[in-house]
Amino acid sequence: MTIYKFNIADGDPNTDTSKVNVKQPAQNTISNIPDAADVAAQQQRKYADYQTQNATTLKHLQERAVLRHEEERLQRELRRRNLSHKDIYG
């Protein structure tokens, strides 16, 4: 049985490392990652804006429905009296 002895070195001695800049950090690291609390606060503001926009839209839709039903009610009332829209509004 043969026992292998490994020779551990600092890399390949034939490799030219003279152009390697070891004082600069790697360029692909992200150093401006936002804090989790900042991200949560931003998402909370976004959700609050979304909720207010939904509430405003719902309010406008309800107002439009009320106006539409009001016009329908007026038309039914005019039919009951056998009057036309022209008779009342000219």
PDB file of N, CA and C in Angstrom:
ATOM      1  N   MET A   1       0.836  -1.160   0.000  1.00  0.00           N
ATOM      2  CA  MET A   1       0.000   0.000   0.000  1.00  0.00           C
ATOM      3  C   MET A   1       0.893   1.238   0.000  1.00  0.00           C
ATOM      4  N   THR A   2       0.551   2.184  -0.837  1.00  0.00           N
ATOM      5  CA  THR A   2       1.355   3.385  -0.980  1.00  0.00           C
ATOM      6  C   THR A   2       0.722   4.516  -0.197  1.00  0.00           C
ATOM      7  N   ILE A   3       1.503   5.214   0.567  1.00  0.00           N
ATOM      8  CA  ILE A   3       1.023   6.352   1.328  1.00  0.00           C
ATOM      9  C   ILE A   3       1.436   7.608   0.588  1.00  0.00           C
ATOM     10  N   TYR A   4       0.443   8.425   0.301  1.00  0.00           N
ATOM     11  CA  TYR A   4       0.709   9.664  -0.427  1.00  0.00           C
ATOM     12  C   TYR A   4       0.939  10.798   0.563  1.00  0.00           C
ATOM     13  N   LYS A   5       1.938  11.559   0.353  1.00  0.00           N
ATOM     14  CA  LYS A   5       2.217  12.728   1.183  1.00  0.00           C
ATOM     15  C   LYS A   5       1.978  13.963   0.319  1.00  0.00           C
ATOM     16  N   PHE A   6       1.081  14.823   0.782  1.00  0.00           N
ATOM     17  CA  PHE A   6       0.731  16.003   0.024  1.00  0.00           C
ATOM     18  C   PHE A   6       1.666  17.147   0.379  1.00  0.00           C
ATOM     19  N   ASN A   7       2.094  17.874  -0.608  1.00  0.00           N
ATOM     20  CA  ASN A   7       2.944  19.035  -0.432  1.00  0.00           C
ATOM     21  C   ASN A   7       2.044  20.274  -0.475  1.00  0.00           C
ATOM     22  N   ILE A   8       1.855  20.933   0.657  1.00  0.00           N
ATOM     23  CA  ILE A   8       0.978  22.102   0.728  1.00  0.00           C
ATOM     24  C   ILE A   8       1.829  23.341   0.556  1.00  0.00           C
ATOM     25  N   ALA A   9       1.454  24.169  -0.416  1.00  0.00           N
ATOM     26  CA  ALA A   9       2.199  25.389  -0.700  1.00  0.00           C
ATOM     27  C   ALA A   9       1.214  26.555  -0.799  1.00  0.00           C
ATOM     28  N   ASP A  10       1.708  27.749  -0.992  1.00  0.00           N
ATOM     29  CA  ASP A  10       0.865  28.943  -1.104  1.00  0.00           C
ATOM     30  C   ASP A  10       0.367  29.154  -2.529  1.00  0.00           C
ATOM     31  N   GLY A  11       0.135  28.176  -3.257  1.00  0.00           N
ATOM     32  CA  GLY A  11      -0.342  28.313  -4.619  1.00  0.00           C
ATOM     33  C   GLY A  11       0.699  27.855  -5.598  1.00  0.00           C
ATOM     34  N   ASP A  12       0.373  28.018  -6.835  1.00  0.00           N
ATOM     35  CA  ASP A  12       1.265  27.592  -7.904  1.00  0.00           C
ATOM     36  C   ASP A  12       2.440  28.559  -8.005  1.00  0.00           C
ATOM     37  N   PRO A  13       3.673  28.096  -7.881  1.00  0.00           N
ATOM     38  CA  PRO A  13       4.812  29.014  -7.967  1.00  0.00           C
ATOM     39  C   PRO A  13       5.008  29.572  -9.379  1.00  0.00           C
ATOM     40  N   ASN A  14       4.405  28.970 -10.364  1.00  0.00           N
ATOM     41  CA  ASN A  14       4.530  29.445 -11.737  1.00  0.00           C
ATOM     42  C   ASN A  14       3.537  30.569 -12.056  1.00  0.00           C
ATOM     43  N   THR A  15       2.632  30.860 -11.160  1.00  0.00           N
ATOM     44  CA  THR A  15       1.620  31.893 -11.395  1.00  0.00           C
ATOM     45  C   THR A  15       2.214  33.262 -11.116  1.00  0.00           C
ATOM     46  N   ASP A  16       1.972  34.196 -12.045  1.00  0.00           N
ATOM     47  CA  ASP A  16       2.459  35.565 -11.883  1.00  0.00           C
ATOM     48  C   ASP A  16       1.405  36.367 -11.132  1.00  0.00           C
ATOM     49  N   THR A  17       1.685  36.774  -9.898  1.00  0.00           N
ATOM     50  CA  THR A  17       0.741  37.548  -9.094  1.00  0.00           C
ATOM     51  C   THR A  17       1.175  39.005  -8.960  1.00  0.00           C
ATOM     52  N   SER A  18       2.045  39.465  -9.842  1.00  0.00           N
ATOM     53  CA  SER A  18       2.536  40.831  -9.706  1.00  0.00           C
ATOM     54  C   SER A  18       1.464  41.867 -10.059  1.00  0.00           C
ATOM     55  N   LYS A  19       0.461  41.488 -10.857  1.00  0.00           N
ATOM     56  CA  LYS A  19      -0.575  42.435 -11.266  1.00  0.00           C
ATOM     57  C   LYS A  19      -1.806  42.385 -10.363  1.00  0.00           C
ATOM     58  N   VAL A  20      -1.777  41.589  -9.353  1.00  0.00           N
ATOM     59  CA  VAL A  20      -2.910  41.469  -8.453  1.00  0.00           C
ATOM     60  C   VAL A  20      -2.811  42.534  -7.378  1.00  0.00           C
ATOM     61  N   ASN A  21      -3.873  43.329  -7.244  1.00  0.00           N
ATOM     62  CA  ASN A  21      -3.907  44.373  -6.223  1.00  0.00           C
ATOM     63  C   ASN A  21      -4.638  43.821  -5.004  1.00  0.00           C
ATOM     64  N   VAL A  22      -3.906  43.510  -3.971  1.00  0.00           N
ATOM     65  CA  VAL A  22      -4.508  42.902  -2.796  1.00  0.00           C
ATOM     66  C   VAL A  22      -5.039  43.932  -1.819  1.00  0.00           C
ATOM     67  N   LYS A  23      -4.770  45.234  -2.055  1.00  0.00           N
ATOM     68  CA  LYS A  23      -5.248  46.264  -1.127  1.00  0.00           C
ATOM     69  C   LYS A  23      -6.651  46.746  -1.449  1.00  0.00           C
ATOM     70  N   GLN A  24      -7.149  46.471  -2.640  1.00  0.00           N
ATOM     71  CA  GLN A  24      -8.494  46.894  -3.031  1.00  0.00           C
ATOM     72  C   GLN A  24      -9.494  45.791  -2.687  1.00  0.00           C
ATOM     73  N   PRO A  25     -10.665  46.154  -2.180  1.00  0.00           N
ATOM     74  CA  PRO A  25     -11.686  45.123  -1.963  1.00  0.00           C
ATOM     75  C   PRO A  25     -12.267  44.672  -3.297  1.00  0.00           C
ATOM     76  N   ALA A  26     -12.929  43.576  -3.275  1.00  0.00           N
ATOM     77  CA  ALA A  26     -13.549  43.062  -4.494  1.00  0.00           C
ATOM     78  C   ALA A  26     -14.622  44.031  -4.966  1.00  0.00           C
ATOM     79  N   GLN A  27     -14.759  44.191  -6.274  1.00  0.00           N
ATOM     80  CA  GLN A  27     -15.695  45.163  -6.845  1.00  0.00           C
ATOM     81  C   GLN A  27     -17.140  44.681  -6.834  1.00  0.00           C
ATOM     82  N   ASN A  28     -17.353  43.407  -6.693  1.00  0.00           N
ATOM     83  CA  ASN A  28     -18.711  42.892  -6.757  1.00  0.00           C
ATOM     84  C   ASN A  28     -19.391  42.806  -5.395  1.00  0.00           C
ATOM     85  N   THR A  29     -18.789  43.341  -4.366  1.00  0.00           N
ATOM     86  CA  THR A  29     -19.445  43.338  -3.065  1.00  0.00           C
ATOM     87  C   THR A  29     -20.397  44.521  -2.975  1.00  0.00           C
ATOM     88  N   ILE A  30     -21.501  44.334  -2.314  1.00  0.00           N
ATOM     89  CA  ILE A  30     -22.502  45.386  -2.158  1.00  0.00           C
ATOM     90  C   ILE A  30     -22.313  45.997  -0.776  1.00  0.00           C
ATOM     91  N   SER A  31     -21.938  47.261  -0.753  1.00  0.00           N
ATOM     92  CA  SER A  31     -21.666  47.891   0.532  1.00  0.00           C
ATOM     93  C   SER A  31     -22.820  48.764   1.003  1.00  0.00           C
ATOM     94  N   ASN A  32     -23.781  49.029   0.147  1.00  0.00           N
ATOM     95  CA  ASN A  32     -24.874  49.909   0.540  1.00  0.00           C
ATOM     96  C   ASN A  32     -26.191  49.153   0.682  1.00  0.00           C
ATOM     97  N   ILE A  33     -26.152  48.016   1.333  1.00  0.00           N
ATOM     98  CA  ILE A  33     -27.369  47.255   1.585  1.00  0.00           C
ATOM     99  C   ILE A  33     -28.170  47.996   2.658  1.00  0.00           C
ATOM    100  N   PRO A  34     -29.458  48.287   2.396  1.00  0.00           N
ATOM    101  CA  PRO A  34     -30.236  49.022   3.384  1.00  0.00           C
ATOM    102  C   PRO A  34     -30.504  48.169   4.626  1.00  0.00           C
ATOM    103  N   ASP A  35     -30.699  48.864   5.715  1.00  0.00           N
ATOM    104  CA  ASP A  35     -30.988  48.212   6.981  1.00  0.00           C
ATOM    105  C   ASP A  35     -32.393  47.600   6.920  1.00  0.00           C
ATOM    106  N   ALA A  36     -32.622  46.537   7.647  1.00  0.00           N
ATOM    107  CA  ALA A  36     -33.924  45.870   7.633  1.00  0.00           C
ATOM    108  C   ALA A  36     -35.018  46.795   8.157  1.00  0.00           C
ATOM    109  N   ALA A  37     -34.706  47.615   9.140  1.00  0.00           N
ATOM    110  CA  ALA A  37     -35.704  48.545   9.677  1.00  0.00           C
ATOM    111  C   ALA A  37     -36.077  49.595   8.633  1.00  0.00           C
ATOM    112  N   ASP A  38     -35.088  50.049   7.846  1.00  0.00           N
ATOM    113  CA  ASP A  38     -35.379  51.015   6.786  1.00  0.00           C
ATOM    114  C   ASP A  38     -36.274  50.406   5.715  1.00  0.00           C
ATOM    115  N   VAL A  39     -35.983  49.173   5.342  1.00  0.00           N
ATOM    116  CA  VAL A  39     -36.797  48.495   4.339  1.00  0.00           C
ATOM    117  C   VAL A  39     -38.214  48.298   4.852  1.00  0.00           C
ATOM    118  N   ALA A  40     -38.356  47.906   6.114  1.00  0.00           N
ATOM    119  CA  ALA A  40     -39.683  47.701   6.688  1.00  0.00           C
ATOM    120  C   ALA A  40     -40.464  49.012   6.745  1.00  0.00           C
ATOM    121  N   ALA A  41     -39.804  50.098   7.124  1.00  0.00           N
ATOM    122  CA  ALA A  41     -40.484  51.393   7.186  1.00  0.00           C
ATOM    123  C   ALA A  41     -40.912  51.849   5.792  1.00  0.00           C
ATOM    124  N   GLN A  42     -40.058  51.626   4.815  1.00  0.00           N
ATOM    125  CA  GLN A  42     -40.401  52.013   3.444  1.00  0.00           C
ATOM    126  C   GLN A  42     -41.593  51.203   2.933  1.00  0.00           C
ATOM    127  N   GLN A  43     -41.598  49.917   3.202  1.00  0.00           N
ATOM    128  CA  GLN A  43     -42.714  49.076   2.766  1.00  0.00           C
ATOM    129  C   GLN A  43     -43.997  49.441   3.507  1.00  0.00           C
ATOM    130  N   GLN A  44     -43.883  49.827   4.774  1.00  0.00           N
ATOM    131  CA  GLN A  44     -45.065  50.233   5.539  1.00  0.00           C
ATOM    132  C   GLN A  44     -45.648  51.518   4.954  1.00  0.00           C
ATOM    133  N   ARG A  45     -44.781  52.470   4.576  1.00  0.00           N
ATOM    134  CA  ARG A  45     -45.268  53.707   3.944  1.00  0.00           C
ATOM    135  C   ARG A  45     -45.934  53.402   2.606  1.00  0.00           C
ATOM    136  N   LYS A  46     -45.340  52.497   1.859  1.00  0.00           N
ATOM    137  CA  LYS A  46     -45.907  52.119   0.566  1.00  0.00           C
ATOM    138  C   LYS A  46     -47.284  51.479   0.743  1.00  0.00           C
ATOM    139  N   TYR A  47     -47.422  50.622   1.744  1.00  0.00           N
ATOM    140  CA  TYR A  47     -48.696  49.968   2.007  1.00  0.00           C
ATOM    141  C   TYR A  47     -49.742  50.973   2.480  1.00  0.00           C
ATOM    142  N   ALA A  48     -49.328  51.940   3.303  1.00  0.00           N
ATOM    143  CA  ALA A  48     -50.269  52.973   3.764  1.00  0.00           C
ATOM    144  C   ALA A  48     -50.747  53.819   2.592  1.00  0.00           C
ATOM    145  N   ASP A  49     -49.851  54.170   1.676  1.00  0.00           N
ATOM    146  CA  ASP A  49     -50.247  54.908   0.475  1.00  0.00           C
ATOM    147  C   ASP A  49     -51.223  54.097  -0.368  1.00  0.00           C
ATOM    148  N   TYR A  50     -50.964  52.812  -0.473  1.00  0.00           N
ATOM    149  CA  TYR A  50     -51.846  51.918  -1.223  1.00  0.00           C
ATOM    150  C   TYR A  50     -53.233  51.878  -0.592  1.00  0.00           C
ATOM    151  N   GLN A  51     -53.280  51.794   0.732  1.00  0.00           N
ATOM    152  CA  GLN A  51     -54.572  51.752   1.425  1.00  0.00           C
ATOM    153  C   GLN A  51     -55.351  53.052   1.248  1.00  0.00           C
ATOM    154  N   THR A  52     -54.668  54.206   1.346  1.00  0.00           N
ATOM    155  CA  THR A  52     -55.369  55.486   1.166  1.00  0.00           C
ATOM    156  C   THR A  52     -55.871  55.625  -0.266  1.00  0.00           C
ATOM    157  N   GLN A  53     -55.080  55.177  -1.227  1.00  0.00           N
ATOM    158  CA  GLN A  53     -55.533  55.242  -2.620  1.00  0.00           C
ATOM    159  C   GLN A  53     -56.750  54.348  -2.830  1.00  0.00           C
ATOM    160  N   ASN A  54     -56.743  53.159  -2.234  1.00  0.00           N
ATOM    161  CA  ASN A  54     -57.897  52.266  -2.348  1.00  0.00           C
ATOM    162  C   ASN A  54     -59.126  52.879  -1.697  1.00  0.00           C
ATOM    163  N   ALA A  55     -58.962  53.507  -0.552  1.00  0.00           N
ATOM    164  CA  ALA A  55     -60.100  54.126   0.129  1.00  0.00           C
ATOM    165  C   ALA A  55     -60.668  55.268  -0.711  1.00  0.00           C
ATOM    166  N   THR A  56     -59.810  56.081  -1.302  1.00  0.00           N
ATOM    167  CA  THR A  56     -60.264  57.188  -2.142  1.00  0.00           C
ATOM    168  C   THR A  56     -61.001  56.663  -3.363  1.00  0.00           C
ATOM    169  N   THR A  57     -60.464  55.625  -4.000  1.00  0.00           N
ATOM    170  CA  THR A  57     -61.108  55.047  -5.180  1.00  0.00           C
ATOM    171  C   THR A  57     -62.466  54.466  -4.819  1.00  0.00           C
ATOM    172  N   LEU A  58     -62.556  53.774  -3.699  1.00  0.00           N
ATOM    173  CA  LEU A  58     -63.825  53.207  -3.268  1.00  0.00           C
ATOM    174  C   LEU A  58     -64.845  54.300  -2.992  1.00  0.00           C
ATOM    175  N   LYS A  59     -64.413  55.387  -2.372  1.00  0.00           N
ATOM    176  CA  LYS A  59     -65.317  56.505  -2.092  1.00  0.00           C
ATOM    177  C   LYS A  59     -65.857  57.104  -3.387  1.00  0.00           C
ATOM    178  N   HIS A  60     -64.986  57.305  -4.378  1.00  0.00           N
ATOM    179  CA  HIS A  60     -65.424  57.852  -5.662  1.00  0.00           C
ATOM    180  C   HIS A  60     -66.395  56.908  -6.372  1.00  0.00           C
ATOM    181  N   LEU A  61     -66.117  55.615  -6.312  1.00  0.00           N
ATOM    182  CA  LEU A  61     -67.017  54.646  -6.942  1.00  0.00           C
ATOM    183  C   LEU A  61     -68.383  54.649  -6.281  1.00  0.00           C
ATOM    184  N   GLN A  62     -68.420  54.759  -4.953  1.00  0.00           N
ATOM    185  CA  GLN A  62     -69.702  54.813  -4.254  1.00  0.00           C
ATOM    186  C   GLN A  62     -70.468  56.083  -4.604  1.00  0.00           C
ATOM    187  N   GLU A  63     -69.751  57.212  -4.703  1.00  0.00           N
ATOM    188  CA  GLU A  63     -70.419  58.453  -5.084  1.00  0.00           C
ATOM    189  C   GLU A  63     -70.992  58.362  -6.492  1.00  0.00           C
ATOM    190  N   ARG A  64     -70.251  57.754  -7.415  1.00  0.00           N
ATOM    191  CA  ARG A  64     -70.750  57.587  -8.778  1.00  0.00           C
ATOM    192  C   ARG A  64     -71.971  56.680  -8.807  1.00  0.00           C
ATOM    193  N   ALA A  65     -71.958  55.626  -7.997  1.00  0.00           N
ATOM    194  CA  ALA A  65     -73.109  54.717  -7.951  1.00  0.00           C
ATOM    195  C   ALA A  65     -74.331  55.433  -7.407  1.00  0.00           C
ATOM    196  N   VAL A  66     -74.129  56.265  -6.389  1.00  0.00           N
ATOM    197  CA  VAL A  66     -75.254  57.011  -5.819  1.00  0.00           C
ATOM    198  C   VAL A  66     -75.829  57.960  -6.863  1.00  0.00           C
ATOM    199  N   LEU A  67     -74.974  58.669  -7.586  1.00  0.00           N
ATOM    200  CA  LEU A  67     -75.459  59.587  -8.624  1.00  0.00           C
ATOM    201  C   LEU A  67     -76.178  58.844  -9.744  1.00  0.00           C
ATOM    202  N   ARG A  68     -75.656  57.697 -10.141  1.00  0.00           N
ATOM    203  CA  ARG A  68     -76.301  56.921 -11.193  1.00  0.00           C
ATOM    204  C   ARG A  68     -77.676  56.446 -10.745  1.00  0.00           C
ATOM    205  N   HIS A  69     -77.776  55.981  -9.516  1.00  0.00           N
ATOM    206  CA  HIS A  69     -79.071  55.520  -9.012  1.00  0.00           C
ATOM    207  C   HIS A  69     -80.025  56.687  -8.817  1.00  0.00           C
ATOM    208  N   GLU A  70     -79.491  57.857  -8.505  1.00  0.00           N
ATOM    209  CA  GLU A  70     -80.346  59.040  -8.362  1.00  0.00           C
ATOM    210  C   GLU A  70     -80.972  59.406  -9.708  1.00  0.00           C
ATOM    211  N   GLU A  71     -80.187  59.343 -10.781  1.00  0.00           N
ATOM    212  CA  GLU A  71     -80.738  59.627 -12.105  1.00  0.00           C
ATOM    213  C   GLU A  71     -81.783  58.594 -12.498  1.00  0.00           C
ATOM    214  N   GLU A  72     -81.532  57.341 -12.194  1.00  0.00           N
ATOM    215  CA  GLU A  72     -82.522  56.300 -12.485  1.00  0.00           C
ATOM    216  C   GLU A  72     -83.798  56.536 -11.686  1.00  0.00           C
ATOM    217  N   ARG A  73     -83.647  56.948 -10.433  1.00  0.00           N
ATOM    218  CA  ARG A  73     -84.830  57.219  -9.613  1.00  0.00           C
ATOM    219  C   ARG A  73     -85.631  58.383 -10.181  1.00  0.00           C
ATOM    220  N   LEU A  74     -84.946  59.413 -10.636  1.00  0.00           N
ATOM    221  CA  LEU A  74     -85.641  60.552 -11.240  1.00  0.00           C
ATOM    222  C   LEU A  74     -86.375  60.139 -12.514  1.00  0.00           C
ATOM    223  N   GLN A  75     -85.755  59.300 -13.338  1.00  0.00           N
ATOM    224  CA  GLN A  75     -86.416  58.845 -14.564  1.00  0.00           C
ATOM    225  C   GLN A  75     -87.665  58.024 -14.249  1.00  0.00           C
ATOM    226  N   ARG A  76     -87.585  57.173 -13.224  1.00  0.00           N
ATOM    227  CA  ARG A  76     -88.774  56.390 -12.829  1.00  0.00           C
ATOM    228  C   ARG A  76     -89.875  57.305 -12.330  1.00  0.00           C
ATOM    229  N   GLU A  77     -89.506  58.330 -11.574  1.00  0.00           N
ATOM    230  CA  GLU A  77     -90.482  59.278 -11.047  1.00  0.00           C
ATOM    231  C   GLU A  77     -91.149  60.045 -12.187  1.00  0.00           C
ATOM    232  N   LEU A  78     -90.377  60.424 -13.188  1.00  0.00           N
ATOM    233  CA  LEU A  78     -90.947  61.123 -14.340  1.00  0.00           C
ATOM    234  C   LEU A  78     -91.889  60.218 -15.116  1.00  0.00           C
ATOM    235  N   ARG A  79     -91.570  58.943 -15.232  1.00  0.00           N
ATOM    236  CA  ARG A  79     -92.467  58.018 -15.935  1.00  0.00           C
ATOM    237  C   ARG A  79     -93.780  57.844 -15.182  1.00  0.00           C
ATOM    238  N   ARG A  80     -93.718  57.845 -13.874  1.00  0.00           N
ATOM    239  CA  ARG A  80     -94.957  57.696 -13.087  1.00  0.00           C
ATOM    240  C   ARG A  80     -95.902  58.867 -13.316  1.00  0.00           C
ATOM    241  N   ARG A  81     -95.304  60.032 -13.470  1.00  0.00           N
ATOM    242  CA  ARG A  81     -96.142  61.225 -13.664  1.00  0.00           C
ATOM    243  C   ARG A  81     -96.430  61.508 -15.131  1.00  0.00           C
ATOM    244  N   ASN A  82     -95.905  60.631 -16.021  1.00  0.00           N
ATOM    245  CA  ASN A  82     -96.050  60.804 -17.461  1.00  0.00           C
ATOM    246  C   ASN A  82     -95.491  62.142 -17.933  1.00  0.00           C
ATOM    247  N   LEU A  83     -94.424  62.543 -17.334  1.00  0.00           N
ATOM    248  CA  LEU A  83     -93.741  63.751 -17.755  1.00  0.00           C
ATOM    249  C   LEU A  83     -92.425  63.355 -18.401  1.00  0.00           C
ATOM    250  N   SER A  84     -91.963  64.167 -19.300  1.00  0.00           N
ATOM    251  CA  SER A  84     -90.658  63.902 -19.900  1.00  0.00           C
ATOM    252  C   SER A  84     -89.622  64.794 -19.268  1.00  0.00           C
ATOM    253  N   HIS A  85     -88.423  64.480 -19.556  1.00  0.00           N
ATOM    254  CA  HIS A  85     -87.315  65.287 -19.037  1.00  0.00           C
ATOM    255  C   HIS A  85     -87.398  66.703 -19.608  1.00  0.00           C
ATOM    256  N   LYS A  86     -87.851  66.843 -20.848  1.00  0.00           N
ATOM    257  CA  LYS A  86     -87.991  68.160 -21.473  1.00  0.00           C
ATOM    258  C   LYS A  86     -89.053  69.002 -20.781  1.00  0.00           C
ATOM    259  N   ASP A  87     -90.116  68.370 -20.316  1.00  0.00           N
ATOM    260  CA  ASP A  87     -91.198  69.125 -19.655  1.00  0.00           C
ATOM    261  C   ASP A  87     -90.662  69.824 -18.385  1.00  0.00           C
ATOM    262  N   ILE A  88     -89.748  69.193 -17.720  1.00  0.00           N
ATOM    263  CA  ILE A  88     -89.264  69.749 -16.475  1.00  0.00           C
ATOM    264  C   ILE A  88     -88.068  70.682 -16.713  1.00  0.00           C
ATOM    265  N   TYR A  89     -87.100  70.205 -17.466  1.00  0.00           N
ATOM    266  CA  TYR A  89     -85.853  70.962 -17.597  1.00  0.00           C
ATOM    267  C   TYR A  89     -85.784  71.793 -18.879  1.00  0.00           C
ATOM    268  N   GLY A  90     -86.800  71.749 -19.731  1.00  0.00           N
ATOM    269  CA  GLY A  90     -86.839  72.591 -20.944  1.00  0.00           C
ATOM    270  C   GLY A  90     -86.187  72.014 -22.124  1.00  0.00           C
TER     271      GLY A  90
END
